[in-house]
Amino acid sequence: QHSDPEEIMTRFNPQWREEYKSDFKAVIANDGSYSIVPVYSP
């Protein structure tokens, strides 16, 4: 635990953020349920 997990991932694969970037995100709807929407969704 001497290194931040993100630092370890960067040492392992400097492009990990781009390779595992998702175009979707989870949000909580008004009724409390989860929904999957595009990241760019307004």
PDB file of all heavy atoms in Angstrom:
ATOM      1  N   GLN A   1       0.822  -1.209   0.000  1.00  0.00           N
ATOM      2  CA  GLN A   1       0.000   0.000   0.000  1.00  0.00           C
ATOM      3  C   GLN A   1       0.858   1.261   0.000  1.00  0.00           C
ATOM      4  O   GLN A   1       0.419   2.323   0.435  1.00  0.00           O
ATOM      5  CB  GLN A   1      -0.958   0.011   1.191  1.00  0.00           C
ATOM      6  CG  GLN A   1      -1.951  -1.149   1.186  1.00  0.00           C
ATOM      7  CD  GLN A   1      -2.924  -1.111   2.352  1.00  0.00           C
ATOM      8  OE1 GLN A   1      -2.630  -0.568   3.422  1.00  0.00           O
ATOM      9  NE2 GLN A   1      -4.090  -1.677   2.152  1.00  0.00           N
ATOM     10  N   HIS A   2       2.085   1.151  -0.524  1.00  0.00           N
ATOM     11  CA  HIS A   2       2.958   2.317  -0.640  1.00  0.00           C
ATOM     12  C   HIS A   2       2.673   3.114  -1.909  1.00  0.00           C
ATOM     13  O   HIS A   2       3.160   4.235  -2.051  1.00  0.00           O
ATOM     14  CB  HIS A   2       4.429   1.881  -0.634  1.00  0.00           C
ATOM     15  CG  HIS A   2       4.904   1.435   0.714  1.00  0.00           C
ATOM     16  ND1 HIS A   2       6.145   0.886   0.935  1.00  0.00           N
ATOM     17  CD2 HIS A   2       4.290   1.452   1.930  1.00  0.00           C
ATOM     18  CE1 HIS A   2       6.279   0.587   2.217  1.00  0.00           C
ATOM     19  NE2 HIS A   2       5.172   0.923   2.840  1.00  0.00           N
ATOM     20  N   SER A   3       1.924   2.520  -2.821  1.00  0.00           N
ATOM     21  CA  SER A   3       1.607   3.187  -4.083  1.00  0.00           C
ATOM     22  C   SER A   3       0.099   3.234  -4.288  1.00  0.00           C
ATOM     23  O   SER A   3      -0.622   2.304  -3.915  1.00  0.00           O
ATOM     24  CB  SER A   3       2.259   2.456  -5.267  1.00  0.00           C
ATOM     25  OG  SER A   3       3.655   2.515  -5.205  1.00  0.00           O
ATOM     26  N   ASP A   4      -0.361   4.310  -4.877  1.00  0.00           N
ATOM     27  CA  ASP A   4      -1.768   4.435  -5.221  1.00  0.00           C
ATOM     28  C   ASP A   4      -2.110   3.427  -6.316  1.00  0.00           C
ATOM     29  O   ASP A   4      -1.300   3.193  -7.229  1.00  0.00           O
ATOM     30  CB  ASP A   4      -2.026   5.860  -5.722  1.00  0.00           C
ATOM     31  CG  ASP A   4      -3.473   6.076  -6.097  1.00  0.00           C
ATOM     32  OD1 ASP A   4      -4.285   6.309  -5.196  1.00  0.00           O
ATOM     33  OD2 ASP A   4      -3.785   6.008  -7.312  1.00  0.00           O
ATOM     34  N   PRO A   5      -3.282   2.783  -6.246  1.00  0.00           N
ATOM     35  CA  PRO A   5      -3.665   1.808  -7.277  1.00  0.00           C
ATOM     36  C   PRO A   5      -3.588   2.358  -8.699  1.00  0.00           C
ATOM     37  O   PRO A   5      -3.209   1.637  -9.623  1.00  0.00           O
ATOM     38  CB  PRO A   5      -5.108   1.444  -6.893  1.00  0.00           C
ATOM     39  CG  PRO A   5      -5.146   1.616  -5.413  1.00  0.00           C
ATOM     40  CD  PRO A   5      -4.274   2.816  -5.153  1.00  0.00           C
ATOM     41  N   GLU A   6      -3.940   3.624  -8.879  1.00  0.00           N
ATOM     42  CA  GLU A   6      -3.860   4.209 -10.217  1.00  0.00           C
ATOM     43  C   GLU A   6      -2.410   4.317 -10.684  1.00  0.00           C
ATOM     44  O   GLU A   6      -2.121   4.142 -11.873  1.00  0.00           O
ATOM     45  CB  GLU A   6      -4.548   5.577 -10.245  1.00  0.00           C
ATOM     46  CG  GLU A   6      -6.055   5.497 -10.099  1.00  0.00           C
ATOM     47  CD  GLU A   6      -6.742   6.802 -10.472  1.00  0.00           C
ATOM     48  OE1 GLU A   6      -6.036   7.771 -10.832  1.00  0.00           O
ATOM     49  OE2 GLU A   6      -7.990   6.845 -10.412  1.00  0.00           O
ATOM     50  N   GLU A   7      -1.504   4.597  -9.761  1.00  0.00           N
ATOM     51  CA  GLU A   7      -0.087   4.648 -10.105  1.00  0.00           C
ATOM     52  C   GLU A   7       0.404   3.269 -10.533  1.00  0.00           C
ATOM     53  O   GLU A   7       1.177   3.127 -11.491  1.00  0.00           O
ATOM     54  CB  GLU A   7       0.733   5.139  -8.916  1.00  0.00           C
ATOM     55  CG  GLU A   7       2.243   5.180  -9.185  1.00  0.00           C
ATOM     56  CD  GLU A   7       3.056   5.448  -7.935  1.00  0.00           C
ATOM     57  OE1 GLU A   7       2.486   5.961  -6.947  1.00  0.00           O
ATOM     58  OE2 GLU A   7       4.268   5.120  -7.952  1.00  0.00           O
ATOM     59  N   ILE A   8      -0.056   2.237  -9.826  1.00  0.00           N
ATOM     60  CA  ILE A   8       0.322   0.865 -10.176  1.00  0.00           C
ATOM     61  C   ILE A   8      -0.206   0.503 -11.559  1.00  0.00           C
ATOM     62  O   ILE A   8       0.504  -0.096 -12.380  1.00  0.00           O
ATOM     63  CB  ILE A   8      -0.209  -0.119  -9.116  1.00  0.00           C
ATOM     64  CG1 ILE A   8       0.548   0.092  -7.800  1.00  0.00           C
ATOM     65  CG2 ILE A   8      -0.077  -1.569  -9.588  1.00  0.00           C
ATOM     66  CD1 ILE A   8       0.018  -0.700  -6.635  1.00  0.00           C
ATOM     67  N   MET A   9      -1.443   0.881 -11.846  1.00  0.00           N
ATOM     68  CA  MET A   9      -2.019   0.607 -13.159  1.00  0.00           C
ATOM     69  C   MET A   9      -1.236   1.331 -14.250  1.00  0.00           C
ATOM     70  O   MET A   9      -1.017   0.781 -15.341  1.00  0.00           O
ATOM     71  CB  MET A   9      -3.485   1.033 -13.191  1.00  0.00           C
ATOM     72  CG  MET A   9      -4.443   0.027 -12.554  1.00  0.00           C
ATOM     73  SD  MET A   9      -4.493  -1.548 -13.434  1.00  0.00           S
ATOM     74  CE  MET A   9      -5.037  -1.019 -15.054  1.00  0.00           C
ATOM     75  N   THR A  10      -0.800   2.549 -13.984  1.00  0.00           N
ATOM     76  CA  THR A  10      -0.041   3.317 -14.974  1.00  0.00           C
ATOM     77  C   THR A  10       1.323   2.676 -15.227  1.00  0.00           C
ATOM     78  O   THR A  10       1.803   2.637 -16.356  1.00  0.00           O
ATOM     79  CB  THR A  10       0.136   4.769 -14.514  1.00  0.00           C
ATOM     80  OG1 THR A  10      -1.168   5.368 -14.350  1.00  0.00           O
ATOM     81  CG2 THR A  10       0.929   5.584 -15.518  1.00  0.00           C
ATOM     82  N   ARG A  11       1.946   2.155 -14.176  1.00  0.00           N
ATOM     83  CA  ARG A  11       3.216   1.445 -14.359  1.00  0.00           C
ATOM     84  C   ARG A  11       3.003   0.177 -15.178  1.00  0.00           C
ATOM     85  O   ARG A  11       3.874  -0.215 -15.960  1.00  0.00           O
ATOM     86  CB  ARG A  11       3.818   1.083 -12.993  1.00  0.00           C
ATOM     87  CG  ARG A  11       4.430   2.254 -12.232  1.00  0.00           C
ATOM     88  CD  ARG A  11       4.827   1.810 -10.832  1.00  0.00           C
ATOM     89  NE  ARG A  11       5.432   2.905 -10.088  1.00  0.00           N
ATOM     90  CZ  ARG A  11       6.722   2.991  -9.773  1.00  0.00           C
ATOM     91  NH1 ARG A  11       7.552   2.038 -10.169  1.00  0.00           N
ATOM     92  NH2 ARG A  11       7.190   4.004  -9.071  1.00  0.00           N
ATOM     93  N   PHE A  12       1.846  -0.457 -14.985  1.00  0.00           N
ATOM     94  CA  PHE A  12       1.553  -1.699 -15.693  1.00  0.00           C
ATOM     95  C   PHE A  12       1.164  -1.447 -17.147  1.00  0.00           C
ATOM     96  O   PHE A  12       1.617  -2.129 -18.060  1.00  0.00           O
ATOM     97  CB  PHE A  12       0.419  -2.432 -14.974  1.00  0.00           C
ATOM     98  CG  PHE A  12       0.006  -3.728 -15.624  1.00  0.00           C
ATOM     99  CD1 PHE A  12       0.897  -4.786 -15.730  1.00  0.00           C
ATOM    100  CD2 PHE A  12      -1.284  -3.888 -16.120  1.00  0.00           C
ATOM    101  CE1 PHE A  12       0.517  -5.982 -16.331  1.00  0.00           C
ATOM    102  CE2 PHE A  12      -1.671  -5.072 -16.716  1.00  0.00           C
ATOM    103  CZ  PHE A  12      -0.764  -6.130 -16.826  1.00  0.00           C
ATOM    104  N   ASN A  13       0.325  -0.427 -17.336  1.00  0.00           N
ATOM    105  CA  ASN A  13      -0.156  -0.094 -18.678  1.00  0.00           C
ATOM    106  C   ASN A  13      -0.455   1.401 -18.738  1.00  0.00           C
ATOM    107  O   ASN A  13      -1.522   1.834 -18.310  1.00  0.00           O
ATOM    108  CB  ASN A  13      -1.406  -0.912 -19.015  1.00  0.00           C
ATOM    109  CG  ASN A  13      -1.977  -0.575 -20.384  1.00  0.00           C
ATOM    110  OD1 ASN A  13      -1.387   0.194 -21.152  1.00  0.00           O
ATOM    111  ND2 ASN A  13      -3.137  -1.133 -20.705  1.00  0.00           N
ATOM    112  N   PRO A  14       0.463   2.195 -19.284  1.00  0.00           N
ATOM    113  CA  PRO A  14       0.272   3.653 -19.319  1.00  0.00           C
ATOM    114  C   PRO A  14      -0.995   4.086 -20.055  1.00  0.00           C
ATOM    115  O   PRO A  14      -1.497   5.186 -19.809  1.00  0.00           O
ATOM    116  CB  PRO A  14       1.524   4.150 -20.065  1.00  0.00           C
ATOM    117  CG  PRO A  14       2.551   3.094 -19.832  1.00  0.00           C
ATOM    118  CD  PRO A  14       1.782   1.800 -19.810  1.00  0.00           C
ATOM    119  N   GLN A  15      -1.536   3.248 -20.922  1.00  0.00           N
ATOM    120  CA  GLN A  15      -2.740   3.613 -21.687  1.00  0.00           C
ATOM    121  C   GLN A  15      -4.025   3.041 -21.082  1.00  0.00           C
ATOM    122  O   GLN A  15      -5.072   3.014 -21.742  1.00  0.00           O
ATOM    123  CB  GLN A  15      -2.615   3.117 -23.133  1.00  0.00           C
ATOM    124  CG  GLN A  15      -1.690   3.952 -24.009  1.00  0.00           C
ATOM    125  CD  GLN A  15      -0.234   3.654 -23.754  1.00  0.00           C
ATOM    126  OE1 GLN A  15       0.137   2.493 -23.668  1.00  0.00           O
ATOM    127  NE2 GLN A  15       0.590   4.682 -23.642  1.00  0.00           N
ATOM    128  N   TRP A  16      -3.979   2.594 -19.822  1.00  0.00           N
ATOM    129  CA  TRP A  16      -5.129   1.888 -19.275  1.00  0.00           C
ATOM    130  C   TRP A  16      -6.395   2.752 -19.232  1.00  0.00           C
ATOM    131  O   TRP A  16      -7.503   2.233 -19.441  1.00  0.00           O
ATOM    132  CB  TRP A  16      -4.812   1.358 -17.875  1.00  0.00           C
ATOM    133  CG  TRP A  16      -4.636   2.393 -16.801  1.00  0.00           C
ATOM    134  CD1 TRP A  16      -3.495   3.046 -16.448  1.00  0.00           C
ATOM    135  CD2 TRP A  16      -5.646   2.895 -15.912  1.00  0.00           C
ATOM    136  NE1 TRP A  16      -3.704   3.917 -15.414  1.00  0.00           N
ATOM    137  CE2 TRP A  16      -5.016   3.846 -15.058  1.00  0.00           C
ATOM    138  CE3 TRP A  16      -7.004   2.632 -15.741  1.00  0.00           C
ATOM    139  CZ2 TRP A  16      -5.715   4.527 -14.067  1.00  0.00           C
ATOM    140  CZ3 TRP A  16      -7.697   3.314 -14.746  1.00  0.00           C
ATOM    141  CH2 TRP A  16      -7.057   4.247 -13.931  1.00  0.00           C
ATOM    142  N   ARG A  17      -6.252   4.040 -18.991  1.00  0.00           N
ATOM    143  CA  ARG A  17      -7.446   4.892 -18.923  1.00  0.00           C
ATOM    144  C   ARG A  17      -8.179   4.929 -20.265  1.00  0.00           C
ATOM    145  O   ARG A  17      -9.416   4.898 -20.312  1.00  0.00           O
ATOM    146  CB  ARG A  17      -7.075   6.312 -18.485  1.00  0.00           C
ATOM    147  CG  ARG A  17      -6.688   6.427 -17.023  1.00  0.00           C
ATOM    148  CD  ARG A  17      -6.387   7.869 -16.649  1.00  0.00           C
ATOM    149  NE  ARG A  17      -6.080   8.009 -15.243  1.00  0.00           N
ATOM    150  CZ  ARG A  17      -4.880   7.797 -14.710  1.00  0.00           C
ATOM    151  NH1 ARG A  17      -3.881   7.422 -15.499  1.00  0.00           N
ATOM    152  NH2 ARG A  17      -4.673   7.943 -13.412  1.00  0.00           N
ATOM    153  N   GLU A  18      -7.428   5.005 -21.343  1.00  0.00           N
ATOM    154  CA  GLU A  18      -8.048   5.036 -22.667  1.00  0.00           C
ATOM    155  C   GLU A  18      -8.598   3.673 -23.058  1.00  0.00           C
ATOM    156  O   GLU A  18      -9.683   3.572 -23.625  1.00  0.00           O
ATOM    157  CB  GLU A  18      -7.026   5.515 -23.714  1.00  0.00           C
ATOM    158  CG  GLU A  18      -6.662   6.983 -23.603  1.00  0.00           C
ATOM    159  CD  GLU A  18      -7.870   7.896 -23.738  1.00  0.00           C
ATOM    160  OE1 GLU A  18      -8.705   7.636 -24.625  1.00  0.00           O
ATOM    161  OE2 GLU A  18      -7.990   8.852 -22.955  1.00  0.00           O
ATOM    162  N   GLU A  19      -7.857   2.625 -22.753  1.00  0.00           N
ATOM    163  CA  GLU A  19      -8.271   1.279 -23.156  1.00  0.00           C
ATOM    164  C   GLU A  19      -9.546   0.827 -22.452  1.00  0.00           C
ATOM    165  O   GLU A  19     -10.345   0.097 -23.022  1.00  0.00           O
ATOM    166  CB  GLU A  19      -7.147   0.280 -22.882  1.00  0.00           C
ATOM    167  CG  GLU A  19      -5.962   0.443 -23.816  1.00  0.00           C
ATOM    168  CD  GLU A  19      -4.931  -0.645 -23.616  1.00  0.00           C
ATOM    169  OE1 GLU A  19      -5.245  -1.658 -22.958  1.00  0.00           O
ATOM    170  OE2 GLU A  19      -3.804  -0.487 -24.127  1.00  0.00           O
ATOM    171  N   TYR A  20      -9.710   1.262 -21.205  1.00  0.00           N
ATOM    172  CA  TYR A  20     -10.870   0.814 -20.436  1.00  0.00           C
ATOM    173  C   TYR A  20     -11.909   1.914 -20.235  1.00  0.00           C
ATOM    174  O   TYR A  20     -12.775   1.817 -19.382  1.00  0.00           O
ATOM    175  CB  TYR A  20     -10.421   0.269 -19.080  1.00  0.00           C
ATOM    176  CG  TYR A  20      -9.529  -0.931 -19.216  1.00  0.00           C
ATOM    177  CD1 TYR A  20      -8.153  -0.840 -18.978  1.00  0.00           C
ATOM    178  CD2 TYR A  20     -10.035  -2.161 -19.618  1.00  0.00           C
ATOM    179  CE1 TYR A  20      -7.324  -1.941 -19.124  1.00  0.00           C
ATOM    180  CE2 TYR A  20      -9.218  -3.265 -19.768  1.00  0.00           C
ATOM    181  CZ  TYR A  20      -7.865  -3.157 -19.518  1.00  0.00           C
ATOM    182  OH  TYR A  20      -7.048  -4.246 -19.676  1.00  0.00           O
ATOM    183  N   LYS A  21     -11.792   2.960 -21.018  1.00  0.00           N
ATOM    184  CA  LYS A  21     -12.767   4.048 -20.926  1.00  0.00           C
ATOM    185  C   LYS A  21     -14.124   3.580 -21.425  1.00  0.00           C
ATOM    186  O   LYS A  21     -14.225   2.941 -22.475  1.00  0.00           O
ATOM    187  CB  LYS A  21     -12.306   5.235 -21.758  1.00  0.00           C
ATOM    188  CG  LYS A  21     -13.199   6.451 -21.640  1.00  0.00           C
ATOM    189  CD  LYS A  21     -12.460   7.648 -22.249  1.00  0.00           C
ATOM    190  CE  LYS A  21     -13.188   8.152 -23.424  1.00  0.00           C
ATOM    191  NZ  LYS A  21     -12.563   9.303 -24.059  1.00  0.00           N
ATOM    192  N   SER A  22     -15.169   3.888 -20.704  1.00  0.00           N
ATOM    193  CA  SER A  22     -16.519   3.474 -21.090  1.00  0.00           C
ATOM    194  C   SER A  22     -17.313   4.665 -21.627  1.00  0.00           C
ATOM    195  O   SER A  22     -17.126   5.800 -21.182  1.00  0.00           O
ATOM    196  CB  SER A  22     -17.249   2.872 -19.885  1.00  0.00           C
ATOM    197  OG  SER A  22     -18.593   2.575 -20.217  1.00  0.00           O
ATOM    198  N   ASP A  23     -18.161   4.391 -22.597  1.00  0.00           N
ATOM    199  CA  ASP A  23     -19.031   5.435 -23.142  1.00  0.00           C
ATOM    200  C   ASP A  23     -20.336   5.548 -22.367  1.00  0.00           C
ATOM    201  O   ASP A  23     -21.225   6.319 -22.726  1.00  0.00           O
ATOM    202  CB  ASP A  23     -19.346   5.137 -24.615  1.00  0.00           C
ATOM    203  CG  ASP A  23     -18.101   5.246 -25.492  1.00  0.00           C
ATOM    204  OD1 ASP A  23     -17.228   6.082 -25.161  1.00  0.00           O
ATOM    205  OD2 ASP A  23     -17.998   4.504 -26.474  1.00  0.00           O
ATOM    206  N   PHE A  24     -20.450   4.760 -21.299  1.00  0.00           N
ATOM    207  CA  PHE A  24     -21.688   4.757 -20.505  1.00  0.00           C
ATOM    208  C   PHE A  24     -21.364   4.949 -19.031  1.00  0.00           C
ATOM    209  O   PHE A  24     -20.240   4.743 -18.588  1.00  0.00           O
ATOM    210  CB  PHE A  24     -22.439   3.441 -20.709  1.00  0.00           C
ATOM    211  CG  PHE A  24     -22.893   3.214 -22.129  1.00  0.00           C
ATOM    212  CD1 PHE A  24     -22.072   2.552 -23.023  1.00  0.00           C
ATOM    213  CD2 PHE A  24     -24.126   3.676 -22.565  1.00  0.00           C
ATOM    214  CE1 PHE A  24     -22.460   2.356 -24.341  1.00  0.00           C
ATOM    215  CE2 PHE A  24     -24.525   3.480 -23.874  1.00  0.00           C
ATOM    216  CZ  PHE A  24     -23.692   2.816 -24.769  1.00  0.00           C
ATOM    217  N   LYS A  25     -22.369   5.365 -18.291  1.00  0.00           N
ATOM    218  CA  LYS A  25     -22.222   5.546 -16.846  1.00  0.00           C
ATOM    219  C   LYS A  25     -23.505   5.124 -16.151  1.00  0.00           C
ATOM    220  O   LYS A  25     -24.594   5.090 -16.760  1.00  0.00           O
ATOM    221  CB  LYS A  25     -21.920   7.015 -16.524  1.00  0.00           C
ATOM    222  CG  LYS A  25     -23.045   7.975 -16.912  1.00  0.00           C
ATOM    223  CD  LYS A  25     -22.673   9.421 -16.590  1.00  0.00           C
ATOM    224  CE  LYS A  25     -23.796  10.380 -17.037  1.00  0.00           C
ATOM    225  NZ  LYS A  25     -23.461  11.780 -16.732  1.00  0.00           N
ATOM    226  N   ALA A  26     -23.398   4.790 -14.885  1.00  0.00           N
ATOM    227  CA  ALA A  26     -24.564   4.409 -14.088  1.00  0.00           C
ATOM    228  C   ALA A  26     -25.065   5.629 -13.332  1.00  0.00           C
ATOM    229  O   ALA A  26     -24.277   6.375 -12.739  1.00  0.00           O
ATOM    230  CB  ALA A  26     -24.204   3.302 -13.112  1.00  0.00           C
ATOM    231  N   VAL A  27     -26.374   5.849 -13.378  1.00  0.00           N
ATOM    232  CA  VAL A  27     -26.983   6.964 -12.648  1.00  0.00           C
ATOM    233  C   VAL A  27     -28.152   6.436 -11.830  1.00  0.00           C
ATOM    234  O   VAL A  27     -28.686   5.358 -12.109  1.00  0.00           O
ATOM    235  CB  VAL A  27     -27.473   8.076 -13.610  1.00  0.00           C
ATOM    236  CG1 VAL A  27     -26.315   8.659 -14.397  1.00  0.00           C
ATOM    237  CG2 VAL A  27     -28.541   7.543 -14.550  1.00  0.00           C
ATOM    238  N   ILE A  28     -28.524   7.198 -10.815  1.00  0.00           N
ATOM    239  CA  ILE A  28     -29.667   6.821  -9.979  1.00  0.00           C
ATOM    240  C   ILE A  28     -30.876   7.626 -10.421  1.00  0.00           C
ATOM    241  O   ILE A  28     -30.851   8.857 -10.420  1.00  0.00           O
ATOM    242  CB  ILE A  28     -29.375   7.070  -8.494  1.00  0.00           C
ATOM    243  CG1 ILE A  28     -28.128   6.289  -8.062  1.00  0.00           C
ATOM    244  CG2 ILE A  28     -30.571   6.685  -7.640  1.00  0.00           C
ATOM    245  CD1 ILE A  28     -27.731   6.525  -6.618  1.00  0.00           C
ATOM    246  N   ALA A  29     -31.928   6.920 -10.810  1.00  0.00           N
ATOM    247  CA  ALA A  29     -33.154   7.583 -11.258  1.00  0.00           C
ATOM    248  C   ALA A  29     -33.932   8.113 -10.057  1.00  0.00           C
ATOM    249  O   ALA A  29     -33.588   7.854  -8.893  1.00  0.00           O
ATOM    250  CB  ALA A  29     -34.006   6.599 -12.056  1.00  0.00           C
ATOM    251  N   ASN A  30     -34.994   8.867 -10.326  1.00  0.00           N
ATOM    252  CA  ASN A  30     -35.797   9.462  -9.253  1.00  0.00           C
ATOM    253  C   ASN A  30     -36.421   8.422  -8.344  1.00  0.00           C
ATOM    254  O   ASN A  30     -36.676   8.676  -7.160  1.00  0.00           O
ATOM    255  CB  ASN A  30     -36.895  10.355  -9.854  1.00  0.00           C
ATOM    256  CG  ASN A  30     -36.308  11.596 -10.509  1.00  0.00           C
ATOM    257  OD1 ASN A  30     -35.259  12.072 -10.098  1.00  0.00           O
ATOM    258  ND2 ASN A  30     -36.987  12.111 -11.536  1.00  0.00           N
ATOM    259  N   ASP A  31     -36.729   7.229  -8.907  1.00  0.00           N
ATOM    260  CA  ASP A  31     -37.355   6.190  -8.097  1.00  0.00           C
ATOM    261  C   ASP A  31     -36.333   5.368  -7.311  1.00  0.00           C
ATOM    262  O   ASP A  31     -36.671   4.396  -6.648  1.00  0.00           O
ATOM    263  CB  ASP A  31     -38.199   5.259  -8.980  1.00  0.00           C
ATOM    264  CG  ASP A  31     -37.363   4.559 -10.046  1.00  0.00           C
ATOM    265  OD1 ASP A  31     -36.142   4.773 -10.072  1.00  0.00           O
ATOM    266  OD2 ASP A  31     -37.943   3.798 -10.832  1.00  0.00           O
ATOM    267  N   GLY A  32     -35.044   5.754  -7.403  1.00  0.00           N
ATOM    268  CA  GLY A  32     -34.010   5.050  -6.649  1.00  0.00           C
ATOM    269  C   GLY A  32     -33.358   3.909  -7.396  1.00  0.00           C
ATOM    270  O   GLY A  32     -32.392   3.327  -6.901  1.00  0.00           O
ATOM    271  N   SER A  33     -33.833   3.598  -8.594  1.00  0.00           N
ATOM    272  CA  SER A  33     -33.249   2.501  -9.362  1.00  0.00           C
ATOM    273  C   SER A  33     -32.069   3.011 -10.186  1.00  0.00           C
ATOM    274  O   SER A  33     -31.927   4.211 -10.432  1.00  0.00           O
ATOM    275  CB  SER A  33     -34.301   1.885 -10.293  1.00  0.00           C
ATOM    276  OG  SER A  33     -34.752   2.844 -11.233  1.00  0.00           O
ATOM    277  N   TYR A  34     -31.218   2.086 -10.615  1.00  0.00           N
ATOM    278  CA  TYR A  34     -30.049   2.443 -11.414  1.00  0.00           C
ATOM    279  C   TYR A  34     -30.381   2.365 -12.897  1.00  0.00           C
ATOM    280  O   TYR A  34     -31.130   1.500 -13.341  1.00  0.00           O
ATOM    281  CB  TYR A  34     -28.884   1.503 -11.109  1.00  0.00           C
ATOM    282  CG  TYR A  34     -28.189   1.804  -9.795  1.00  0.00           C
ATOM    283  CD1 TYR A  34     -28.597   1.177  -8.622  1.00  0.00           C
ATOM    284  CD2 TYR A  34     -27.143   2.721  -9.724  1.00  0.00           C
ATOM    285  CE1 TYR A  34     -27.973   1.450  -7.405  1.00  0.00           C
ATOM    286  CE2 TYR A  34     -26.513   2.995  -8.519  1.00  0.00           C
ATOM    287  CZ  TYR A  34     -26.929   2.359  -7.377  1.00  0.00           C
ATOM    288  OH  TYR A  34     -26.314   2.632  -6.180  1.00  0.00           O
ATOM    289  N   SER A  35     -29.810   3.273 -13.656  1.00  0.00           N
ATOM    290  CA  SER A  35     -29.962   3.269 -15.109  1.00  0.00           C
ATOM    291  C   SER A  35     -28.590   3.441 -15.741  1.00  0.00           C
ATOM    292  O   SER A  35     -27.694   4.052 -15.160  1.00  0.00           O
ATOM    293  CB  SER A  35     -30.872   4.409 -15.565  1.00  0.00           C
ATOM    294  OG  SER A  35     -32.176   4.254 -15.030  1.00  0.00           O
ATOM    295  N   ILE A  36     -28.407   2.884 -16.938  1.00  0.00           N
ATOM    296  CA  ILE A  36     -27.178   3.041 -17.702  1.00  0.00           C
ATOM    297  C   ILE A  36     -27.451   4.036 -18.823  1.00  0.00           C
ATOM    298  O   ILE A  36     -28.354   3.838 -19.634  1.00  0.00           O
ATOM    299  CB  ILE A  36     -26.708   1.700 -18.296  1.00  0.00           C
ATOM    300  CG1 ILE A  36     -26.496   0.682 -17.181  1.00  0.00           C
ATOM    301  CG2 ILE A  36     -25.433   1.903 -19.090  1.00  0.00           C
ATOM    302  CD1 ILE A  36     -25.411   1.046 -16.203  1.00  0.00           C
ATOM    303  N   VAL A  37     -26.679   5.123 -18.848  1.00  0.00           N
ATOM    304  CA  VAL A  37     -26.876   6.156 -19.859  1.00  0.00           C
ATOM    305  C   VAL A  37     -25.530   6.508 -20.476  1.00  0.00           C
ATOM    306  O   VAL A  37     -24.473   6.270 -19.878  1.00  0.00           O
ATOM    307  CB  VAL A  37     -27.514   7.429 -19.250  1.00  0.00           C
ATOM    308  CG1 VAL A  37     -28.864   7.117 -18.627  1.00  0.00           C
ATOM    309  CG2 VAL A  37     -26.585   8.043 -18.210  1.00  0.00           C
ATOM    310  N   PRO A  38     -25.522   7.071 -21.684  1.00  0.00           N
ATOM    311  CA  PRO A  38     -24.264   7.517 -22.292  1.00  0.00           C
ATOM    312  C   PRO A  38     -23.596   8.585 -21.436  1.00  0.00           C
ATOM    313  O   PRO A  38     -24.274   9.395 -20.799  1.00  0.00           O
ATOM    314  CB  PRO A  38     -24.707   8.083 -23.649  1.00  0.00           C
ATOM    315  CG  PRO A  38     -26.010   7.423 -23.922  1.00  0.00           C
ATOM    316  CD  PRO A  38     -26.658   7.234 -22.588  1.00  0.00           C
ATOM    317  N   VAL A  39     -22.281   8.584 -21.399  1.00  0.00           N
ATOM    318  CA  VAL A  39     -21.544   9.554 -20.623  1.00  0.00           C
ATOM    319  C   VAL A  39     -21.872  10.976 -21.043  1.00  0.00           C
ATOM    320  O   VAL A  39     -21.973  11.887 -20.234  1.00  0.00           O
ATOM    321  CB  VAL A  39     -20.026   9.305 -20.759  1.00  0.00           C
ATOM    322  CG1 VAL A  39     -19.225  10.441 -20.121  1.00  0.00           C
ATOM    323  CG2 VAL A  39     -19.659   7.983 -20.098  1.00  0.00           C
ATOM    324  N   TYR A  40     -22.088  11.173 -22.349  1.00  0.00           N
ATOM    325  CA  TYR A  40     -22.345  12.518 -22.866  1.00  0.00           C
ATOM    326  C   TYR A  40     -23.797  12.927 -22.747  1.00  0.00           C
ATOM    327  O   TYR A  40     -24.196  13.991 -23.162  1.00  0.00           O
ATOM    328  CB  TYR A  40     -21.929  12.598 -24.342  1.00  0.00           C
ATOM    329  CG  TYR A  40     -22.579  11.552 -25.211  1.00  0.00           C
ATOM    330  CD1 TYR A  40     -23.895  11.699 -25.670  1.00  0.00           C
ATOM    331  CD2 TYR A  40     -21.893  10.397 -25.570  1.00  0.00           C
ATOM    332  CE1 TYR A  40     -24.494  10.736 -26.467  1.00  0.00           C
ATOM    333  CE2 TYR A  40     -22.492   9.418 -26.361  1.00  0.00           C
ATOM    334  CZ  TYR A  40     -23.782   9.592 -26.818  1.00  0.00           C
ATOM    335  OH  TYR A  40     -24.362   8.632 -27.587  1.00  0.00           O
ATOM    336  N   SER A  41     -24.658  12.061 -22.163  1.00  0.00           N
ATOM    337  CA  SER A  41     -26.082  12.348 -22.078  1.00  0.00           C
ATOM    338  C   SER A  41     -26.358  13.564 -21.214  1.00  0.00           C
ATOM    339  O   SER A  41     -25.907  13.628 -20.062  1.00  0.00           O
ATOM    340  CB  SER A  41     -26.839  11.143 -21.503  1.00  0.00           C
ATOM    341  OG  SER A  41     -28.197  11.486 -21.327  1.00  0.00           O
ATOM    342  N   PRO A  42     -27.095  14.560 -21.727  1.00  0.00           N
ATOM    343  CA  PRO A  42     -27.395  15.771 -20.941  1.00  0.00           C
ATOM    344  C   PRO A  42     -28.626  15.599 -20.056  1.00  0.00           C
ATOM    345  O   PRO A  42     -28.978  16.495 -19.305  1.00  0.00           O
ATOM    346  CB  PRO A  42     -27.638  16.820 -22.032  1.00  0.00           C
ATOM    347  CG  PRO A  42     -28.253  16.029 -23.141  1.00  0.00           C
ATOM    348  CD  PRO A  42     -27.577  14.672 -23.100  1.00  0.00           C
TER     349      PRO A  42
END
